[in-house]
Protein backbone atom coordinates (compact mmCIF):
# COMPACT_ATOMS: atom_id res chain seq x y z
CA UNK A 1 0.00 0.00 0.00
CA UNK A 2 2.82 2.37 0.91
CA UNK A 3 4.57 1.53 -2.36
CA UNK A 4 1.43 2.42 -4.29
CA UNK A 5 1.15 5.74 -2.47
CA UNK A 6 4.80 6.51 -3.16
CA UNK A 7 4.36 5.64 -6.82
CA UNK A 8 1.31 7.89 -7.03
CA UNK A 9 3.22 10.74 -5.42
CA UNK A 10 6.18 10.29 -7.79
CA UNK A 11 3.86 10.21 -10.81
CA UNK A 12 2.10 13.32 -9.56
CA UNK A 13 5.36 15.18 -9.02
CA UNK A 14 6.71 14.17 -12.44
CA UNK A 15 3.44 15.12 -14.11
CA UNK A 16 3.43 18.50 -12.39
CA UNK A 17 7.03 19.09 -13.44
CA UNK A 18 6.28 18.24 -17.07
CA UNK A 19 3.19 20.47 -17.09
CA UNK A 20 5.19 23.32 -15.56
CA UNK A 21 7.98 22.90 -18.10
CA UNK A 22 5.50 22.90 -21.00
CA UNK A 23 3.79 25.98 -19.63
CA UNK A 24 7.09 27.80 -19.21
CA UNK A 25 8.12 26.86 -22.72
CA UNK A 26 4.80 28.08 -24.13
CA UNK A 27 5.00 31.36 -22.21
CA UNK A 28 8.58 31.90 -23.38
CA UNK A 29 7.54 31.28 -27.00
CA UNK A 30 4.70 33.78 -26.62
CA UNK A 31 7.07 36.38 -25.18
CA UNK A 32 9.34 35.85 -28.19
CA UNK A 33 6.51 36.70 -30.60
CA UNK A 34 6.55 40.12 -32.22
CA UNK A 35 2.85 39.86 -33.02
CA UNK A 36 0.76 37.92 -30.49
CA UNK A 37 -0.34 34.59 -31.94
CA UNK A 38 2.25 34.63 -34.73
CA UNK A 39 5.35 32.52 -34.00
CA UNK A 40 8.69 34.21 -34.60
CA UNK A 41 11.75 32.48 -36.01
CA UNK A 42 13.97 34.64 -33.82
CA UNK A 43 16.30 32.53 -31.65
CA UNK A 44 15.46 32.11 -27.98
CA UNK A 45 18.80 33.69 -27.06
CA UNK A 46 17.48 37.06 -28.24
CA UNK A 47 15.15 37.24 -25.24
CA UNK A 48 17.80 38.82 -23.05
CA UNK A 49 20.72 39.41 -25.41
CA UNK A 50 22.22 42.86 -25.96
CA UNK A 51 23.09 42.47 -29.65
CA UNK A 52 21.60 44.95 -32.12
CA UNK A 53 19.35 42.34 -33.68
CA UNK A 54 18.07 41.15 -30.29
CA UNK A 55 17.25 44.68 -29.19
CA UNK A 56 15.51 45.41 -32.49
CA UNK A 57 13.48 42.21 -32.16
CA UNK A 58 12.27 43.32 -28.73
CA UNK A 59 11.60 46.86 -29.97
CA UNK A 60 9.34 45.49 -32.69
CA UNK A 61 7.35 43.51 -30.14
CA UNK A 62 7.05 46.53 -27.86
CA UNK A 63 5.87 48.72 -30.75
CA UNK A 64 3.14 46.28 -31.72
CA UNK A 65 1.99 45.90 -28.13
CA UNK A 66 1.82 49.67 -27.63
CA UNK A 67 -0.49 49.99 -30.63
CA UNK A 68 -2.70 47.12 -29.54
CA UNK A 69 -2.88 48.29 -25.94
CA UNK A 70 -4.38 51.70 -26.67
CA UNK A 71 -8.03 51.66 -25.54
CA UNK A 72 -9.29 53.79 -28.43
CA UNK A 73 -7.87 51.64 -31.23
CA UNK A 74 -10.77 49.22 -31.09
CA UNK A 75 -13.28 51.97 -30.28
CA UNK A 76 -12.35 53.88 -33.44
CA UNK A 77 -12.28 50.76 -35.62
CA UNK A 78 -8.61 50.88 -36.54
CA UNK A 79 -8.37 47.19 -37.42
CA UNK A 80 -6.84 47.88 -40.84
CA UNK A 81 -4.14 50.07 -39.29
CA UNK A 82 -3.34 47.36 -36.73
CA UNK A 83 -3.14 44.78 -39.53
CA UNK A 84 -0.70 47.01 -41.43
CA UNK A 85 1.40 47.47 -38.30
CA UNK A 86 1.43 43.71 -37.67
CA UNK A 87 2.44 42.97 -41.27
CA UNK A 88 5.27 45.48 -41.17
CA UNK A 89 6.56 44.20 -37.82
CA UNK A 90 6.49 40.56 -38.95
CA UNK A 91 8.32 41.40 -42.17
CA UNK A 92 11.00 43.38 -40.32
CA UNK A 93 11.42 40.56 -37.82
CA UNK A 94 11.93 38.08 -40.68
CA UNK A 95 14.45 40.42 -42.32
CA UNK A 96 16.20 40.73 -38.97
CA UNK A 97 16.56 36.98 -38.55
CA UNK A 98 17.78 36.58 -42.13
CA UNK A 99 20.18 39.51 -41.85
CA UNK A 100 21.68 38.22 -38.61
CA UNK A 101 22.74 35.05 -40.43
CA UNK A 102 24.75 36.95 -43.06
CA UNK A 103 28.48 37.54 -43.02
CA UNK A 104 30.02 40.99 -42.80
CA UNK A 105 29.63 43.53 -44.31
CA UNK A 106 26.24 42.31 -45.56
CA UNK A 107 25.07 41.65 -42.01
CA UNK A 108 25.69 45.22 -40.84
CA UNK A 109 23.97 46.64 -43.92
CA UNK A 110 20.93 44.40 -43.39
CA UNK A 111 20.64 45.27 -39.69
CA UNK A 112 21.06 48.99 -40.49
CA UNK A 113 18.17 48.76 -42.93
CA UNK A 114 15.92 47.01 -40.41
CA UNK A 115 16.84 49.51 -37.69
CA UNK A 116 15.87 52.41 -39.92
CA UNK A 117 12.53 50.82 -40.76
CA UNK A 118 11.90 49.90 -37.13
CA UNK A 119 12.44 53.50 -36.06
CA UNK A 120 10.02 54.65 -38.77
CA UNK A 121 7.40 52.16 -37.57
CA UNK A 122 7.85 53.24 -33.95
CA UNK A 123 7.46 56.89 -34.95
CA UNK A 124 4.31 56.11 -36.94
CA UNK A 125 2.76 54.24 -34.01
CA UNK A 126 3.80 56.96 -31.58
CA UNK A 127 2.17 59.70 -33.64
CA UNK A 128 -0.97 57.63 -34.16
CA UNK A 129 -1.33 56.88 -30.44
CA UNK A 130 -0.67 60.52 -29.54
CA UNK A 131 -3.46 61.62 -31.87
CA UNK A 132 -6.07 59.34 -30.30
CA UNK A 133 -6.56 61.33 -27.11
CA UNK A 134 -10.18 61.40 -25.96
CA UNK A 135 -10.10 65.18 -25.72
CA UNK A 136 -8.86 65.54 -29.29
CA UNK A 137 -11.33 67.02 -31.80
CA UNK A 138 -12.54 64.79 -34.63
CA UNK A 139 -10.44 66.70 -37.12
CA UNK A 140 -7.29 65.85 -35.17
CA UNK A 141 -8.29 62.19 -34.97
CA UNK A 142 -8.91 62.05 -38.71
CA UNK A 143 -5.60 63.75 -39.41
CA UNK A 144 -3.71 61.31 -37.15
CA UNK A 145 -5.34 58.30 -38.81
CA UNK A 146 -4.77 59.65 -42.33
CA UNK A 147 -1.12 60.37 -41.54
CA UNK A 148 -0.69 56.86 -40.14
CA UNK A 149 -2.26 55.36 -43.25
CA UNK A 150 0.10 57.34 -45.48
CA UNK A 151 3.21 56.38 -43.51
CA UNK A 152 2.20 52.72 -43.23
CA UNK A 153 1.62 52.62 -46.99
CA UNK A 154 5.11 54.05 -47.53
CA UNK A 155 6.60 51.45 -45.20
CA UNK A 156 4.74 48.69 -47.05
CA UNK A 157 6.07 49.95 -50.39
CA UNK A 158 9.60 49.96 -49.00
CA UNK A 159 9.04 46.44 -47.66
CA UNK A 160 7.89 45.21 -51.08
CA UNK A 161 10.95 46.76 -52.70
CA UNK A 162 13.28 45.04 -50.22
CA UNK A 163 11.56 41.69 -50.74
CA UNK A 164 11.89 42.07 -54.52
CA UNK A 165 15.60 42.86 -54.18
CA UNK A 166 16.02 39.82 -51.94
CA UNK A 167 14.29 37.60 -54.50
CA UNK A 168 16.61 38.85 -57.23
CA UNK A 169 19.66 38.40 -55.05
CA UNK A 170 18.68 34.82 -54.26
CA UNK A 171 18.35 34.01 -57.97
CA UNK A 172 14.60 33.47 -57.97
CA UNK A 173 12.97 34.01 -61.33
CA UNK A 174 9.39 34.44 -62.42
CA UNK A 175 7.31 31.29 -62.70
CA UNK A 176 6.63 30.48 -66.40
CA UNK A 177 3.08 30.73 -67.69
CA UNK A 178 1.77 27.17 -67.93
CA UNK A 179 -0.84 26.00 -70.38
CA UNK A 180 -3.77 23.71 -69.73
CA UNK A 181 -1.55 20.61 -69.83
CA UNK A 182 1.04 22.09 -67.49
CA UNK A 183 3.53 22.91 -70.27
CA UNK A 184 5.10 26.35 -70.69
CA UNK A 185 3.16 28.51 -73.11
CA UNK A 186 5.07 29.30 -76.33
CA UNK A 187 4.65 33.03 -76.93
CA UNK A 188 7.07 33.17 -79.88
CA UNK A 189 4.24 32.66 -82.44
CA UNK A 190 6.06 29.77 -83.96
CA UNK A 191 9.29 31.65 -84.47
CA UNK A 192 12.53 29.79 -83.98
CA UNK A 193 15.45 30.91 -81.92
CA UNK A 194 17.18 31.76 -85.19
CA UNK A 195 16.17 34.49 -87.59
CA UNK A 196 12.91 36.33 -86.95
CA UNK A 197 10.00 35.25 -89.09
CA UNK A 198 11.28 31.72 -89.67
CA UNK A 199 9.38 28.73 -88.42
CA UNK A 200 11.20 25.95 -86.67
CA UNK A 201 11.24 22.78 -88.72
CA UNK A 202 9.99 19.54 -87.11
C-alpha atoms as a PDB file:
ATOM      1  CA  UNK A   1       0.000   0.000   0.000  1.00  0.00           C
ATOM      2  CA  UNK A   2       2.819   2.368   0.907  1.00  0.00           C
ATOM      3  CA  UNK A   3       4.575   1.532  -2.357  1.00  0.00           C
ATOM      4  CA  UNK A   4       1.426   2.416  -4.290  1.00  0.00           C
ATOM      5  CA  UNK A   5       1.150   5.735  -2.473  1.00  0.00           C
ATOM      6  CA  UNK A   6       4.802   6.514  -3.162  1.00  0.00           C
ATOM      7  CA  UNK A   7       4.356   5.636  -6.821  1.00  0.00           C
ATOM      8  CA  UNK A   8       1.309   7.893  -7.034  1.00  0.00           C
ATOM      9  CA  UNK A   9       3.225  10.745  -5.416  1.00  0.00           C
ATOM     10  CA  UNK A  10       6.177  10.287  -7.788  1.00  0.00           C
ATOM     11  CA  UNK A  11       3.859  10.213 -10.807  1.00  0.00           C
ATOM     12  CA  UNK A  12       2.105  13.316  -9.562  1.00  0.00           C
ATOM     13  CA  UNK A  13       5.362  15.184  -9.020  1.00  0.00           C
ATOM     14  CA  UNK A  14       6.705  14.171 -12.435  1.00  0.00           C
ATOM     15  CA  UNK A  15       3.438  15.122 -14.114  1.00  0.00           C
ATOM     16  CA  UNK A  16       3.430  18.498 -12.389  1.00  0.00           C
ATOM     17  CA  UNK A  17       7.032  19.090 -13.440  1.00  0.00           C
ATOM     18  CA  UNK A  18       6.281  18.240 -17.070  1.00  0.00           C
ATOM     19  CA  UNK A  19       3.194  20.471 -17.094  1.00  0.00           C
ATOM     20  CA  UNK A  20       5.190  23.324 -15.557  1.00  0.00           C
ATOM     21  CA  UNK A  21       7.981  22.901 -18.097  1.00  0.00           C
ATOM     22  CA  UNK A  22       5.504  22.900 -21.005  1.00  0.00           C
ATOM     23  CA  UNK A  23       3.787  25.982 -19.629  1.00  0.00           C
ATOM     24  CA  UNK A  24       7.087  27.802 -19.215  1.00  0.00           C
ATOM     25  CA  UNK A  25       8.119  26.864 -22.722  1.00  0.00           C
ATOM     26  CA  UNK A  26       4.804  28.083 -24.129  1.00  0.00           C
ATOM     27  CA  UNK A  27       4.999  31.356 -22.210  1.00  0.00           C
ATOM     28  CA  UNK A  28       8.576  31.898 -23.383  1.00  0.00           C
ATOM     29  CA  UNK A  29       7.542  31.283 -27.002  1.00  0.00           C
ATOM     30  CA  UNK A  30       4.700  33.784 -26.624  1.00  0.00           C
ATOM     31  CA  UNK A  31       7.072  36.384 -25.183  1.00  0.00           C
ATOM     32  CA  UNK A  32       9.336  35.852 -28.192  1.00  0.00           C
ATOM     33  CA  UNK A  33       6.510  36.695 -30.598  1.00  0.00           C
ATOM     34  CA  UNK A  34       6.552  40.120 -32.220  1.00  0.00           C
ATOM     35  CA  UNK A  35       2.850  39.862 -33.019  1.00  0.00           C
ATOM     36  CA  UNK A  36       0.760  37.919 -30.493  1.00  0.00           C
ATOM     37  CA  UNK A  37      -0.336  34.594 -31.937  1.00  0.00           C
ATOM     38  CA  UNK A  38       2.248  34.630 -34.730  1.00  0.00           C
ATOM     39  CA  UNK A  39       5.350  32.519 -34.003  1.00  0.00           C
ATOM     40  CA  UNK A  40       8.690  34.210 -34.600  1.00  0.00           C
ATOM     41  CA  UNK A  41      11.745  32.479 -36.012  1.00  0.00           C
ATOM     42  CA  UNK A  42      13.974  34.637 -33.817  1.00  0.00           C
ATOM     43  CA  UNK A  43      16.299  32.525 -31.649  1.00  0.00           C
ATOM     44  CA  UNK A  44      15.461  32.110 -27.979  1.00  0.00           C
ATOM     45  CA  UNK A  45      18.798  33.686 -27.063  1.00  0.00           C
ATOM     46  CA  UNK A  46      17.478  37.063 -28.241  1.00  0.00           C
ATOM     47  CA  UNK A  47      15.145  37.240 -25.240  1.00  0.00           C
ATOM     48  CA  UNK A  48      17.805  38.824 -23.045  1.00  0.00           C
ATOM     49  CA  UNK A  49      20.716  39.414 -25.412  1.00  0.00           C
ATOM     50  CA  UNK A  50      22.221  42.858 -25.961  1.00  0.00           C
ATOM     51  CA  UNK A  51      23.087  42.469 -29.646  1.00  0.00           C
ATOM     52  CA  UNK A  52      21.604  44.950 -32.120  1.00  0.00           C
ATOM     53  CA  UNK A  53      19.347  42.343 -33.679  1.00  0.00           C
ATOM     54  CA  UNK A  54      18.074  41.146 -30.292  1.00  0.00           C
ATOM     55  CA  UNK A  55      17.250  44.681 -29.192  1.00  0.00           C
ATOM     56  CA  UNK A  56      15.505  45.409 -32.493  1.00  0.00           C
ATOM     57  CA  UNK A  57      13.482  42.212 -32.156  1.00  0.00           C
ATOM     58  CA  UNK A  58      12.273  43.316 -28.731  1.00  0.00           C
ATOM     59  CA  UNK A  59      11.600  46.857 -29.975  1.00  0.00           C
ATOM     60  CA  UNK A  60       9.336  45.493 -32.692  1.00  0.00           C
ATOM     61  CA  UNK A  61       7.350  43.512 -30.139  1.00  0.00           C
ATOM     62  CA  UNK A  62       7.052  46.532 -27.856  1.00  0.00           C
ATOM     63  CA  UNK A  63       5.871  48.720 -30.748  1.00  0.00           C
ATOM     64  CA  UNK A  64       3.138  46.278 -31.720  1.00  0.00           C
ATOM     65  CA  UNK A  65       1.986  45.898 -28.125  1.00  0.00           C
ATOM     66  CA  UNK A  66       1.824  49.670 -27.634  1.00  0.00           C
ATOM     67  CA  UNK A  67      -0.491  49.993 -30.634  1.00  0.00           C
ATOM     68  CA  UNK A  68      -2.704  47.120 -29.539  1.00  0.00           C
ATOM     69  CA  UNK A  69      -2.883  48.288 -25.936  1.00  0.00           C
ATOM     70  CA  UNK A  70      -4.376  51.705 -26.671  1.00  0.00           C
ATOM     71  CA  UNK A  71      -8.032  51.664 -25.544  1.00  0.00           C
ATOM     72  CA  UNK A  72      -9.286  53.791 -28.434  1.00  0.00           C
ATOM     73  CA  UNK A  73      -7.868  51.644 -31.231  1.00  0.00           C
ATOM     74  CA  UNK A  74     -10.773  49.225 -31.085  1.00  0.00           C
ATOM     75  CA  UNK A  75     -13.277  51.974 -30.275  1.00  0.00           C
ATOM     76  CA  UNK A  76     -12.352  53.883 -33.444  1.00  0.00           C
ATOM     77  CA  UNK A  77     -12.285  50.762 -35.619  1.00  0.00           C
ATOM     78  CA  UNK A  78      -8.608  50.880 -36.535  1.00  0.00           C
ATOM     79  CA  UNK A  79      -8.374  47.186 -37.420  1.00  0.00           C
ATOM     80  CA  UNK A  80      -6.836  47.882 -40.837  1.00  0.00           C
ATOM     81  CA  UNK A  81      -4.144  50.066 -39.285  1.00  0.00           C
ATOM     82  CA  UNK A  82      -3.343  47.357 -36.733  1.00  0.00           C
ATOM     83  CA  UNK A  83      -3.139  44.777 -39.532  1.00  0.00           C
ATOM     84  CA  UNK A  84      -0.697  47.005 -41.435  1.00  0.00           C
ATOM     85  CA  UNK A  85       1.402  47.475 -38.297  1.00  0.00           C
ATOM     86  CA  UNK A  86       1.434  43.712 -37.672  1.00  0.00           C
ATOM     87  CA  UNK A  87       2.445  42.965 -41.273  1.00  0.00           C
ATOM     88  CA  UNK A  88       5.272  45.484 -41.166  1.00  0.00           C
ATOM     89  CA  UNK A  89       6.558  44.199 -37.822  1.00  0.00           C
ATOM     90  CA  UNK A  90       6.486  40.558 -38.946  1.00  0.00           C
ATOM     91  CA  UNK A  91       8.321  41.400 -42.170  1.00  0.00           C
ATOM     92  CA  UNK A  92      10.996  43.378 -40.315  1.00  0.00           C
ATOM     93  CA  UNK A  93      11.420  40.556 -37.821  1.00  0.00           C
ATOM     94  CA  UNK A  94      11.931  38.084 -40.680  1.00  0.00           C
ATOM     95  CA  UNK A  95      14.454  40.423 -42.316  1.00  0.00           C
ATOM     96  CA  UNK A  96      16.200  40.733 -38.971  1.00  0.00           C
ATOM     97  CA  UNK A  97      16.563  36.977 -38.549  1.00  0.00           C
ATOM     98  CA  UNK A  98      17.776  36.580 -42.132  1.00  0.00           C
ATOM     99  CA  UNK A  99      20.182  39.513 -41.847  1.00  0.00           C
ATOM    100  CA  UNK A 100      21.682  38.222 -38.612  1.00  0.00           C
ATOM    101  CA  UNK A 101      22.743  35.053 -40.429  1.00  0.00           C
ATOM    102  CA  UNK A 102      24.750  36.952 -43.065  1.00  0.00           C
ATOM    103  CA  UNK A 103      28.478  37.539 -43.023  1.00  0.00           C
ATOM    104  CA  UNK A 104      30.020  40.988 -42.802  1.00  0.00           C
ATOM    105  CA  UNK A 105      29.632  43.528 -44.310  1.00  0.00           C
ATOM    106  CA  UNK A 106      26.238  42.314 -45.555  1.00  0.00           C
ATOM    107  CA  UNK A 107      25.074  41.653 -42.006  1.00  0.00           C
ATOM    108  CA  UNK A 108      25.688  45.220 -40.844  1.00  0.00           C
ATOM    109  CA  UNK A 109      23.967  46.636 -43.918  1.00  0.00           C
ATOM    110  CA  UNK A 110      20.930  44.401 -43.391  1.00  0.00           C
ATOM    111  CA  UNK A 111      20.639  45.267 -39.695  1.00  0.00           C
ATOM    112  CA  UNK A 112      21.061  48.987 -40.487  1.00  0.00           C
ATOM    113  CA  UNK A 113      18.169  48.764 -42.928  1.00  0.00           C
ATOM    114  CA  UNK A 114      15.917  47.014 -40.408  1.00  0.00           C
ATOM    115  CA  UNK A 115      16.839  49.507 -37.686  1.00  0.00           C
ATOM    116  CA  UNK A 116      15.875  52.413 -39.919  1.00  0.00           C
ATOM    117  CA  UNK A 117      12.531  50.823 -40.764  1.00  0.00           C
ATOM    118  CA  UNK A 118      11.900  49.899 -37.127  1.00  0.00           C
ATOM    119  CA  UNK A 119      12.445  53.504 -36.059  1.00  0.00           C
ATOM    120  CA  UNK A 120      10.021  54.646 -38.766  1.00  0.00           C
ATOM    121  CA  UNK A 121       7.399  52.159 -37.572  1.00  0.00           C
ATOM    122  CA  UNK A 122       7.854  53.242 -33.953  1.00  0.00           C
ATOM    123  CA  UNK A 123       7.464  56.895 -34.950  1.00  0.00           C
ATOM    124  CA  UNK A 124       4.314  56.110 -36.937  1.00  0.00           C
ATOM    125  CA  UNK A 125       2.764  54.238 -34.013  1.00  0.00           C
ATOM    126  CA  UNK A 126       3.796  56.965 -31.576  1.00  0.00           C
ATOM    127  CA  UNK A 127       2.175  59.702 -33.639  1.00  0.00           C
ATOM    128  CA  UNK A 128      -0.973  57.632 -34.156  1.00  0.00           C
ATOM    129  CA  UNK A 129      -1.326  56.883 -30.437  1.00  0.00           C
ATOM    130  CA  UNK A 130      -0.671  60.522 -29.539  1.00  0.00           C
ATOM    131  CA  UNK A 131      -3.455  61.621 -31.868  1.00  0.00           C
ATOM    132  CA  UNK A 132      -6.067  59.338 -30.300  1.00  0.00           C
ATOM    133  CA  UNK A 133      -6.559  61.334 -27.113  1.00  0.00           C
ATOM    134  CA  UNK A 134     -10.184  61.398 -25.963  1.00  0.00           C
ATOM    135  CA  UNK A 135     -10.096  65.175 -25.723  1.00  0.00           C
ATOM    136  CA  UNK A 136      -8.864  65.543 -29.293  1.00  0.00           C
ATOM    137  CA  UNK A 137     -11.330  67.018 -31.796  1.00  0.00           C
ATOM    138  CA  UNK A 138     -12.537  64.791 -34.626  1.00  0.00           C
ATOM    139  CA  UNK A 139     -10.441  66.705 -37.120  1.00  0.00           C
ATOM    140  CA  UNK A 140      -7.288  65.849 -35.166  1.00  0.00           C
ATOM    141  CA  UNK A 141      -8.289  62.186 -34.971  1.00  0.00           C
ATOM    142  CA  UNK A 142      -8.914  62.051 -38.706  1.00  0.00           C
ATOM    143  CA  UNK A 143      -5.596  63.752 -39.405  1.00  0.00           C
ATOM    144  CA  UNK A 144      -3.708  61.314 -37.151  1.00  0.00           C
ATOM    145  CA  UNK A 145      -5.338  58.301 -38.813  1.00  0.00           C
ATOM    146  CA  UNK A 146      -4.771  59.648 -42.328  1.00  0.00           C
ATOM    147  CA  UNK A 147      -1.119  60.369 -41.542  1.00  0.00           C
ATOM    148  CA  UNK A 148      -0.687  56.858 -40.138  1.00  0.00           C
ATOM    149  CA  UNK A 149      -2.262  55.355 -43.249  1.00  0.00           C
ATOM    150  CA  UNK A 150       0.100  57.337 -45.475  1.00  0.00           C
ATOM    151  CA  UNK A 151       3.208  56.381 -43.511  1.00  0.00           C
ATOM    152  CA  UNK A 152       2.203  52.721 -43.225  1.00  0.00           C
ATOM    153  CA  UNK A 153       1.619  52.616 -46.987  1.00  0.00           C
ATOM    154  CA  UNK A 154       5.105  54.055 -47.531  1.00  0.00           C
ATOM    155  CA  UNK A 155       6.597  51.445 -45.201  1.00  0.00           C
ATOM    156  CA  UNK A 156       4.737  48.689 -47.048  1.00  0.00           C
ATOM    157  CA  UNK A 157       6.065  49.953 -50.387  1.00  0.00           C
ATOM    158  CA  UNK A 158       9.604  49.960 -48.995  1.00  0.00           C
ATOM    159  CA  UNK A 159       9.044  46.437 -47.665  1.00  0.00           C
ATOM    160  CA  UNK A 160       7.886  45.208 -51.075  1.00  0.00           C
ATOM    161  CA  UNK A 161      10.951  46.760 -52.696  1.00  0.00           C
ATOM    162  CA  UNK A 162      13.283  45.043 -50.222  1.00  0.00           C
ATOM    163  CA  UNK A 163      11.556  41.687 -50.741  1.00  0.00           C
ATOM    164  CA  UNK A 164      11.891  42.075 -54.519  1.00  0.00           C
ATOM    165  CA  UNK A 165      15.600  42.864 -54.183  1.00  0.00           C
ATOM    166  CA  UNK A 166      16.021  39.824 -51.936  1.00  0.00           C
ATOM    167  CA  UNK A 167      14.295  37.604 -54.503  1.00  0.00           C
ATOM    168  CA  UNK A 168      16.606  38.847 -57.232  1.00  0.00           C
ATOM    169  CA  UNK A 169      19.661  38.404 -55.047  1.00  0.00           C
ATOM    170  CA  UNK A 170      18.676  34.818 -54.262  1.00  0.00           C
ATOM    171  CA  UNK A 171      18.355  34.012 -57.973  1.00  0.00           C
ATOM    172  CA  UNK A 172      14.602  33.467 -57.966  1.00  0.00           C
ATOM    173  CA  UNK A 173      12.966  34.015 -61.325  1.00  0.00           C
ATOM    174  CA  UNK A 174       9.391  34.442 -62.416  1.00  0.00           C
ATOM    175  CA  UNK A 175       7.308  31.288 -62.699  1.00  0.00           C
ATOM    176  CA  UNK A 176       6.630  30.484 -66.398  1.00  0.00           C
ATOM    177  CA  UNK A 177       3.076  30.728 -67.687  1.00  0.00           C
ATOM    178  CA  UNK A 178       1.769  27.172 -67.933  1.00  0.00           C
ATOM    179  CA  UNK A 179      -0.845  25.996 -70.381  1.00  0.00           C
ATOM    180  CA  UNK A 180      -3.771  23.707 -69.728  1.00  0.00           C
ATOM    181  CA  UNK A 181      -1.546  20.607 -69.830  1.00  0.00           C
ATOM    182  CA  UNK A 182       1.041  22.086 -67.492  1.00  0.00           C
ATOM    183  CA  UNK A 183       3.526  22.909 -70.270  1.00  0.00           C
ATOM    184  CA  UNK A 184       5.096  26.352 -70.687  1.00  0.00           C
ATOM    185  CA  UNK A 185       3.156  28.512 -73.113  1.00  0.00           C
ATOM    186  CA  UNK A 186       5.072  29.303 -76.329  1.00  0.00           C
ATOM    187  CA  UNK A 187       4.653  33.025 -76.928  1.00  0.00           C
ATOM    188  CA  UNK A 188       7.067  33.174 -79.877  1.00  0.00           C
ATOM    189  CA  UNK A 189       4.239  32.660 -82.439  1.00  0.00           C
ATOM    190  CA  UNK A 190       6.059  29.769 -83.957  1.00  0.00           C
ATOM    191  CA  UNK A 191       9.288  31.650 -84.474  1.00  0.00           C
ATOM    192  CA  UNK A 192      12.525  29.787 -83.983  1.00  0.00           C
ATOM    193  CA  UNK A 193      15.451  30.914 -81.921  1.00  0.00           C
ATOM    194  CA  UNK A 194      17.178  31.762 -85.186  1.00  0.00           C
ATOM    195  CA  UNK A 195      16.174  34.485 -87.590  1.00  0.00           C
ATOM    196  CA  UNK A 196      12.907  36.334 -86.950  1.00  0.00           C
ATOM    197  CA  UNK A 197      10.004  35.251 -89.089  1.00  0.00           C
ATOM    198  CA  UNK A 198      11.276  31.720 -89.675  1.00  0.00           C
ATOM    199  CA  UNK A 199       9.384  28.726 -88.423  1.00  0.00           C
ATOM    200  CA  UNK A 200      11.199  25.953 -86.669  1.00  0.00           C
ATOM    201  CA  UNK A 201      11.237  22.785 -88.723  1.00  0.00           C
ATOM    202  CA  UNK A 202       9.988  19.537 -87.108  1.00  0.00           C
END
